[in-house]
Structures are given as C-alpha cells and as structure tokens.
Amino acid sequence: MTIKQARGLSALLSSNSIPEAAKEAGISEGTLRRWLREDDEFSAAYNEGLRTMLADAVHVGRVRSAEAMGVFDEVMGDTTINAQTRITAARSLLEFTLRLAASTDLQKQMDELERRVENLDGGGEF
C-alpha cells in the first residue's frame, strides 16, 4: 500500500463520508472509490479497519451495559418520574435483555457448529 493509500485509508476510517475522507487525505473522491472497488489490498485493509472499529464499539457496549441496565432499573423504579418515561425505560430494558439473550443463543449455536465442523472426520455428518 502506498503512503497516499494509507492516508486515504486512515481518512476513510475516521471520516463521516467518502467526500470528507477524500478532502482530508488530499485525494479525489473518485480515487478513493476506485481503490475501494478495484484494489484488493486497500479494500481488505478498509474492511479489517471497519471490523476492528465494530469490535471496539461492541466491547465498549458490553462494558457499559451493566451501567445502562442500572439506569433503566433506576428510572423504572422511580415513582416520581412520569409513567411514560418509566414505561419507555422498562421497554428498553426488556428489548435489550431479549437482544442479549438472542445474541448469546446465536453465539452458542455458532460455537457448537464450529466444534462440529472441527470434529468432522472425512465427510461425516454434523
């Protein structure tokens, strides 16, 4: 990857749009789009950067989720707060809990499938 591409990649990963990234990196928007479309090394580095950013965001969410649950619980239990706000907090807490349970179940299923694939011996069944 060239220095120009590294600058473009960095700008893409820290900007809100391709035009903004192009301006920040000092290259044309068309060049950035072409690199994403046609340069396998550049697009792979960009996708890896996005995956890393997403993983970091998920980590922060997991770390802060207990705090968020506490806020929901506090608002739900505070009878001095209006009912609609308390209902919204309760709904948010339930939605979060259901999504977390579904995500956990899905991860367990994926782990089990990976384990089964690893244990296959020459074309056996799952």
N, C-alpha and C. Protein backbone atom coordinates (compact mmCIF):
# COMPACT_ATOMS: atom_id res chain seq x y z
N MET A 1 0.85 -1.17 0.00
CA MET A 1 0.00 0.00 0.00
C MET A 1 0.89 1.24 0.00
N THR A 2 0.52 2.20 -0.81
CA THR A 2 1.31 3.44 -0.90
C THR A 2 1.01 4.35 0.28
N ILE A 3 1.85 5.35 0.46
CA ILE A 3 1.63 6.34 1.53
C ILE A 3 0.31 7.07 1.30
N LYS A 4 0.03 7.39 0.03
CA LYS A 4 -1.23 8.06 -0.31
C LYS A 4 -2.43 7.19 0.08
N GLN A 5 -2.33 5.89 -0.22
CA GLN A 5 -3.42 4.98 0.13
C GLN A 5 -3.57 4.86 1.64
N ALA A 6 -2.46 4.82 2.36
CA ALA A 6 -2.52 4.75 3.82
C ALA A 6 -3.21 5.99 4.38
N ARG A 7 -2.90 7.16 3.81
CA ARG A 7 -3.57 8.39 4.23
C ARG A 7 -5.06 8.32 3.92
N GLY A 8 -5.39 7.81 2.73
CA GLY A 8 -6.79 7.67 2.34
C GLY A 8 -7.53 6.70 3.24
N LEU A 9 -6.88 5.59 3.57
CA LEU A 9 -7.49 4.60 4.46
C LEU A 9 -7.76 5.19 5.83
N SER A 10 -6.77 5.86 6.37
CA SER A 10 -6.94 6.50 7.68
C SER A 10 -8.08 7.51 7.66
N ALA A 11 -8.15 8.29 6.60
CA ALA A 11 -9.22 9.28 6.47
C ALA A 11 -10.58 8.61 6.35
N LEU A 12 -10.65 7.54 5.57
CA LEU A 12 -11.92 6.82 5.42
C LEU A 12 -12.43 6.29 6.76
N LEU A 13 -11.51 5.78 7.56
CA LEU A 13 -11.91 5.17 8.83
C LEU A 13 -12.23 6.20 9.91
N SER A 14 -11.87 7.45 9.66
CA SER A 14 -12.14 8.47 10.68
C SER A 14 -13.10 9.55 10.22
N SER A 15 -13.60 9.45 9.00
CA SER A 15 -14.49 10.47 8.45
C SER A 15 -15.92 9.95 8.37
N ASN A 16 -16.84 10.88 8.18
CA ASN A 16 -18.25 10.53 8.08
C ASN A 16 -18.69 10.18 6.66
N SER A 17 -17.85 10.47 5.67
CA SER A 17 -18.25 10.21 4.29
C SER A 17 -17.01 10.09 3.42
N ILE A 18 -17.22 9.52 2.24
CA ILE A 18 -16.11 9.41 1.28
C ILE A 18 -15.66 10.79 0.82
N PRO A 19 -16.57 11.71 0.48
CA PRO A 19 -16.10 13.05 0.09
C PRO A 19 -15.27 13.73 1.19
N GLU A 20 -15.71 13.60 2.43
CA GLU A 20 -14.98 14.19 3.55
C GLU A 20 -13.60 13.53 3.69
N ALA A 21 -13.54 12.20 3.55
CA ALA A 21 -12.27 11.47 3.65
C ALA A 21 -11.32 11.89 2.53
N ALA A 22 -11.85 12.03 1.31
CA ALA A 22 -11.02 12.42 0.18
C ALA A 22 -10.41 13.80 0.42
N LYS A 23 -11.22 14.71 0.89
CA LYS A 23 -10.73 16.06 1.17
C LYS A 23 -9.65 16.02 2.25
N GLU A 24 -9.89 15.27 3.31
CA GLU A 24 -8.93 15.16 4.41
C GLU A 24 -7.61 14.55 3.94
N ALA A 25 -7.69 13.55 3.06
CA ALA A 25 -6.48 12.86 2.58
C ALA A 25 -5.80 13.59 1.43
N GLY A 26 -6.47 14.58 0.86
CA GLY A 26 -5.89 15.32 -0.25
C GLY A 26 -5.90 14.56 -1.56
N ILE A 27 -6.92 13.71 -1.74
CA ILE A 27 -7.06 12.97 -2.99
C ILE A 27 -8.50 13.11 -3.48
N SER A 28 -8.75 12.68 -4.69
CA SER A 28 -10.10 12.82 -5.23
C SER A 28 -11.02 11.73 -4.68
N GLU A 29 -12.28 12.08 -4.65
CA GLU A 29 -13.30 11.11 -4.23
C GLU A 29 -13.31 9.90 -5.16
N GLY A 30 -13.14 10.15 -6.45
CA GLY A 30 -13.11 9.07 -7.43
C GLY A 30 -11.98 8.09 -7.18
N THR A 31 -10.83 8.62 -6.77
CA THR A 31 -9.69 7.76 -6.47
C THR A 31 -10.00 6.86 -5.28
N LEU A 32 -10.55 7.43 -4.24
CA LEU A 32 -10.92 6.61 -3.08
C LEU A 32 -11.91 5.53 -3.45
N ARG A 33 -12.91 5.90 -4.21
CA ARG A 33 -13.92 4.93 -4.63
C ARG A 33 -13.30 3.83 -5.50
N ARG A 34 -12.39 4.22 -6.38
CA ARG A 34 -11.72 3.24 -7.25
C ARG A 34 -10.88 2.28 -6.41
N TRP A 35 -10.14 2.81 -5.43
CA TRP A 35 -9.34 1.94 -4.57
C TRP A 35 -10.23 0.95 -3.83
N LEU A 36 -11.35 1.42 -3.33
CA LEU A 36 -12.27 0.52 -2.61
C LEU A 36 -12.83 -0.56 -3.54
N ARG A 37 -13.09 -0.18 -4.78
CA ARG A 37 -13.70 -1.09 -5.74
C ARG A 37 -12.70 -2.03 -6.41
N GLU A 38 -11.48 -1.53 -6.69
CA GLU A 38 -10.57 -2.28 -7.55
C GLU A 38 -9.28 -2.75 -6.87
N ASP A 39 -8.91 -2.19 -5.76
CA ASP A 39 -7.64 -2.55 -5.12
C ASP A 39 -7.92 -3.50 -3.95
N ASP A 40 -7.62 -4.78 -4.16
CA ASP A 40 -7.93 -5.80 -3.16
C ASP A 40 -7.24 -5.53 -1.82
N GLU A 41 -5.98 -5.11 -1.86
CA GLU A 41 -5.24 -4.85 -0.62
C GLU A 41 -5.87 -3.68 0.15
N PHE A 42 -6.22 -2.62 -0.58
CA PHE A 42 -6.82 -1.45 0.04
C PHE A 42 -8.19 -1.79 0.63
N SER A 43 -9.03 -2.46 -0.15
CA SER A 43 -10.37 -2.77 0.34
C SER A 43 -10.32 -3.77 1.50
N ALA A 44 -9.36 -4.71 1.48
CA ALA A 44 -9.21 -5.65 2.60
C ALA A 44 -8.79 -4.91 3.86
N ALA A 45 -7.86 -3.96 3.73
CA ALA A 45 -7.42 -3.17 4.89
C ALA A 45 -8.57 -2.32 5.42
N TYR A 46 -9.37 -1.76 4.51
CA TYR A 46 -10.53 -0.96 4.92
C TYR A 46 -11.54 -1.84 5.67
N ASN A 47 -11.85 -3.01 5.13
CA ASN A 47 -12.80 -3.90 5.80
C ASN A 47 -12.29 -4.37 7.15
N GLU A 48 -11.00 -4.64 7.25
CA GLU A 48 -10.41 -5.03 8.53
C GLU A 48 -10.50 -3.88 9.53
N GLY A 49 -10.25 -2.67 9.06
CA GLY A 49 -10.39 -1.50 9.92
C GLY A 49 -11.81 -1.33 10.43
N LEU A 50 -12.78 -1.55 9.56
CA LEU A 50 -14.19 -1.47 9.98
C LEU A 50 -14.52 -2.55 11.01
N ARG A 51 -14.03 -3.77 10.78
CA ARG A 51 -14.26 -4.86 11.74
C ARG A 51 -13.66 -4.53 13.10
N THR A 52 -12.48 -3.96 13.10
CA THR A 52 -11.83 -3.58 14.35
C THR A 52 -12.63 -2.51 15.08
N MET A 53 -13.08 -1.51 14.33
CA MET A 53 -13.88 -0.45 14.94
C MET A 53 -15.17 -1.00 15.52
N LEU A 54 -15.82 -1.91 14.81
CA LEU A 54 -17.05 -2.51 15.30
C LEU A 54 -16.79 -3.33 16.55
N ALA A 55 -15.72 -4.10 16.54
CA ALA A 55 -15.37 -4.91 17.71
C ALA A 55 -15.11 -4.01 18.92
N ASP A 56 -14.43 -2.90 18.69
CA ASP A 56 -14.18 -1.95 19.78
C ASP A 56 -15.48 -1.38 20.32
N ALA A 57 -16.39 -1.02 19.43
CA ALA A 57 -17.68 -0.47 19.85
C ALA A 57 -18.49 -1.49 20.63
N VAL A 58 -18.48 -2.74 20.19
CA VAL A 58 -19.19 -3.81 20.89
C VAL A 58 -18.59 -3.99 22.28
N HIS A 59 -17.27 -3.94 22.37
CA HIS A 59 -16.60 -4.08 23.66
C HIS A 59 -17.05 -2.98 24.63
N VAL A 60 -17.05 -1.74 24.16
CA VAL A 60 -17.48 -0.63 25.00
C VAL A 60 -18.93 -0.83 25.43
N GLY A 61 -19.76 -1.28 24.50
CA GLY A 61 -21.16 -1.54 24.84
C GLY A 61 -21.31 -2.61 25.92
N ARG A 62 -20.52 -3.65 25.81
CA ARG A 62 -20.58 -4.71 26.83
C ARG A 62 -20.12 -4.20 28.18
N VAL A 63 -19.04 -3.43 28.18
CA VAL A 63 -18.52 -2.90 29.44
C VAL A 63 -19.53 -1.97 30.09
N ARG A 64 -20.19 -1.16 29.29
CA ARG A 64 -21.12 -0.16 29.84
C ARG A 64 -22.54 -0.68 30.01
N SER A 65 -22.82 -1.92 29.57
CA SER A 65 -24.20 -2.42 29.61
C SER A 65 -24.72 -2.55 31.04
N ALA A 66 -23.88 -2.93 32.00
CA ALA A 66 -24.35 -3.04 33.38
C ALA A 66 -24.77 -1.67 33.90
N GLU A 67 -24.01 -0.66 33.55
CA GLU A 67 -24.35 0.70 33.94
C GLU A 67 -25.68 1.12 33.32
N ALA A 68 -25.87 0.81 32.05
CA ALA A 68 -27.11 1.14 31.37
C ALA A 68 -28.30 0.43 32.01
N MET A 69 -28.10 -0.84 32.33
CA MET A 69 -29.18 -1.60 32.99
C MET A 69 -29.53 -0.95 34.32
N GLY A 70 -28.54 -0.47 35.04
CA GLY A 70 -28.80 0.21 36.31
C GLY A 70 -29.62 1.46 36.13
N VAL A 71 -29.33 2.22 35.06
CA VAL A 71 -30.10 3.44 34.78
C VAL A 71 -31.54 3.08 34.46
N PHE A 72 -31.74 2.07 33.59
CA PHE A 72 -33.10 1.63 33.27
C PHE A 72 -33.84 1.24 34.55
N ASP A 73 -33.17 0.45 35.38
CA ASP A 73 -33.78 -0.03 36.62
C ASP A 73 -34.13 1.14 37.55
N GLU A 74 -33.24 2.09 37.64
CA GLU A 74 -33.47 3.26 38.50
C GLU A 74 -34.67 4.07 38.02
N VAL A 75 -34.73 4.33 36.71
CA VAL A 75 -35.84 5.11 36.15
C VAL A 75 -37.15 4.35 36.30
N MET A 76 -37.11 3.04 36.02
CA MET A 76 -38.33 2.23 36.14
C MET A 76 -38.90 2.27 37.56
N GLY A 77 -38.02 2.25 38.54
CA GLY A 77 -38.48 2.16 39.93
C GLY A 77 -38.77 3.50 40.58
N ASP A 78 -38.46 4.58 39.90
CA ASP A 78 -38.67 5.91 40.49
C ASP A 78 -40.09 6.39 40.21
N THR A 79 -40.95 6.29 41.19
CA THR A 79 -42.37 6.64 41.01
C THR A 79 -42.59 8.15 40.88
N THR A 80 -41.54 8.93 41.11
CA THR A 80 -41.69 10.38 40.93
C THR A 80 -41.52 10.79 39.47
N ILE A 81 -41.04 9.88 38.65
CA ILE A 81 -40.88 10.15 37.22
C ILE A 81 -42.18 9.78 36.52
N ASN A 82 -42.55 10.53 35.47
CA ASN A 82 -43.83 10.28 34.82
C ASN A 82 -43.89 8.85 34.24
N ALA A 83 -45.10 8.36 34.13
CA ALA A 83 -45.34 6.97 33.74
C ALA A 83 -44.78 6.64 32.36
N GLN A 84 -44.91 7.55 31.40
CA GLN A 84 -44.43 7.27 30.05
C GLN A 84 -42.92 7.05 30.03
N THR A 85 -42.20 7.85 30.79
CA THR A 85 -40.75 7.69 30.88
C THR A 85 -40.40 6.35 31.51
N ARG A 86 -41.12 5.97 32.54
CA ARG A 86 -40.88 4.68 33.21
C ARG A 86 -41.19 3.52 32.27
N ILE A 87 -42.28 3.65 31.49
CA ILE A 87 -42.64 2.61 30.52
C ILE A 87 -41.56 2.50 29.45
N THR A 88 -41.06 3.63 28.98
CA THR A 88 -40.00 3.62 27.97
C THR A 88 -38.75 2.94 28.52
N ALA A 89 -38.41 3.23 29.76
CA ALA A 89 -37.25 2.58 30.39
C ALA A 89 -37.46 1.08 30.50
N ALA A 90 -38.66 0.69 30.91
CA ALA A 90 -38.97 -0.75 31.04
C ALA A 90 -38.90 -1.44 29.68
N ARG A 91 -39.47 -0.81 28.67
CA ARG A 91 -39.45 -1.39 27.32
C ARG A 91 -38.01 -1.52 26.83
N SER A 92 -37.22 -0.48 27.04
CA SER A 92 -35.82 -0.52 26.61
C SER A 92 -35.06 -1.64 27.32
N LEU A 93 -35.31 -1.80 28.59
CA LEU A 93 -34.66 -2.86 29.35
C LEU A 93 -35.06 -4.24 28.83
N LEU A 94 -36.34 -4.42 28.56
CA LEU A 94 -36.80 -5.70 28.01
C LEU A 94 -36.21 -5.96 26.63
N GLU A 95 -36.22 -4.95 25.77
CA GLU A 95 -35.67 -5.12 24.42
C GLU A 95 -34.19 -5.47 24.48
N PHE A 96 -33.45 -4.78 25.33
CA PHE A 96 -32.03 -5.05 25.47
C PHE A 96 -31.80 -6.48 25.97
N THR A 97 -32.57 -6.88 26.95
CA THR A 97 -32.43 -8.22 27.52
C THR A 97 -32.74 -9.29 26.48
N LEU A 98 -33.80 -9.08 25.70
CA LEU A 98 -34.15 -10.05 24.66
C LEU A 98 -33.07 -10.12 23.57
N ARG A 99 -32.55 -8.98 23.16
CA ARG A 99 -31.49 -8.98 22.15
C ARG A 99 -30.22 -9.65 22.67
N LEU A 100 -29.91 -9.38 23.92
CA LEU A 100 -28.73 -10.01 24.52
C LEU A 100 -28.91 -11.52 24.59
N ALA A 101 -30.09 -11.97 24.98
CA ALA A 101 -30.36 -13.41 25.05
C ALA A 101 -30.28 -14.04 23.66
N ALA A 102 -30.85 -13.38 22.66
CA ALA A 102 -30.80 -13.92 21.30
C ALA A 102 -29.37 -13.97 20.79
N SER A 103 -28.61 -12.93 21.07
CA SER A 103 -27.22 -12.88 20.65
C SER A 103 -26.41 -13.98 21.32
N THR A 104 -26.64 -14.18 22.60
CA THR A 104 -25.94 -15.23 23.35
C THR A 104 -26.30 -16.60 22.81
N ASP A 105 -27.58 -16.83 22.54
CA ASP A 105 -28.01 -18.11 21.96
C ASP A 105 -27.38 -18.34 20.60
N LEU A 106 -27.36 -17.31 19.77
CA LEU A 106 -26.76 -17.43 18.44
C LEU A 106 -25.28 -17.75 18.54
N GLN A 107 -24.59 -17.09 19.48
CA GLN A 107 -23.17 -17.36 19.65
C GLN A 107 -22.94 -18.81 20.09
N LYS A 108 -23.78 -19.32 20.98
CA LYS A 108 -23.66 -20.72 21.41
C LYS A 108 -23.85 -21.67 20.23
N GLN A 109 -24.85 -21.37 19.39
CA GLN A 109 -25.11 -22.20 18.22
C GLN A 109 -23.92 -22.16 17.25
N MET A 110 -23.36 -20.98 17.04
CA MET A 110 -22.21 -20.87 16.15
C MET A 110 -21.01 -21.63 16.72
N ASP A 111 -20.79 -21.52 18.03
CA ASP A 111 -19.69 -22.24 18.67
C ASP A 111 -19.87 -23.74 18.50
N GLU A 112 -21.10 -24.21 18.66
CA GLU A 112 -21.38 -25.64 18.52
C GLU A 112 -21.15 -26.09 17.08
N LEU A 113 -21.60 -25.30 16.11
CA LEU A 113 -21.37 -25.64 14.70
C LEU A 113 -19.88 -25.68 14.38
N GLU A 114 -19.14 -24.71 14.89
CA GLU A 114 -17.69 -24.71 14.66
C GLU A 114 -17.05 -25.94 15.27
N ARG A 115 -17.49 -26.32 16.47
CA ARG A 115 -16.95 -27.51 17.12
C ARG A 115 -17.25 -28.75 16.29
N ARG A 116 -18.47 -28.83 15.77
CA ARG A 116 -18.84 -29.99 14.96
C ARG A 116 -18.04 -30.05 13.66
N VAL A 117 -17.83 -28.91 13.02
CA VAL A 117 -17.05 -28.88 11.79
C VAL A 117 -15.63 -29.33 12.06
N GLU A 118 -15.04 -28.86 13.18
CA GLU A 118 -13.68 -29.25 13.53
C GLU A 118 -13.57 -30.76 13.82
N ASN A 119 -14.67 -31.35 14.29
CA ASN A 119 -14.65 -32.76 14.65
C ASN A 119 -15.00 -33.70 13.49
N LEU A 120 -15.37 -33.10 12.35
CA LEU A 120 -15.69 -33.94 11.21
C LEU A 120 -14.47 -34.76 10.81
N ASP A 121 -14.70 -36.03 10.51
CA ASP A 121 -13.57 -36.84 10.04
C ASP A 121 -13.88 -37.36 8.67
N GLY A 122 -13.46 -36.59 7.67
CA GLY A 122 -13.57 -37.02 6.29
C GLY A 122 -14.99 -37.17 5.78
N GLY A 123 -15.80 -36.16 5.94
CA GLY A 123 -17.13 -36.18 5.33
C GLY A 123 -18.22 -36.74 6.22
N GLY A 124 -17.98 -36.85 7.50
CA GLY A 124 -19.03 -37.32 8.41
C GLY A 124 -20.14 -36.31 8.54
N GLU A 125 -21.18 -36.70 9.22
CA GLU A 125 -22.33 -35.79 9.39
C GLU A 125 -22.16 -34.96 10.64
N PHE A 126 -22.92 -33.85 10.68
CA PHE A 126 -22.95 -32.99 11.86
C PHE A 126 -23.56 -33.75 13.01
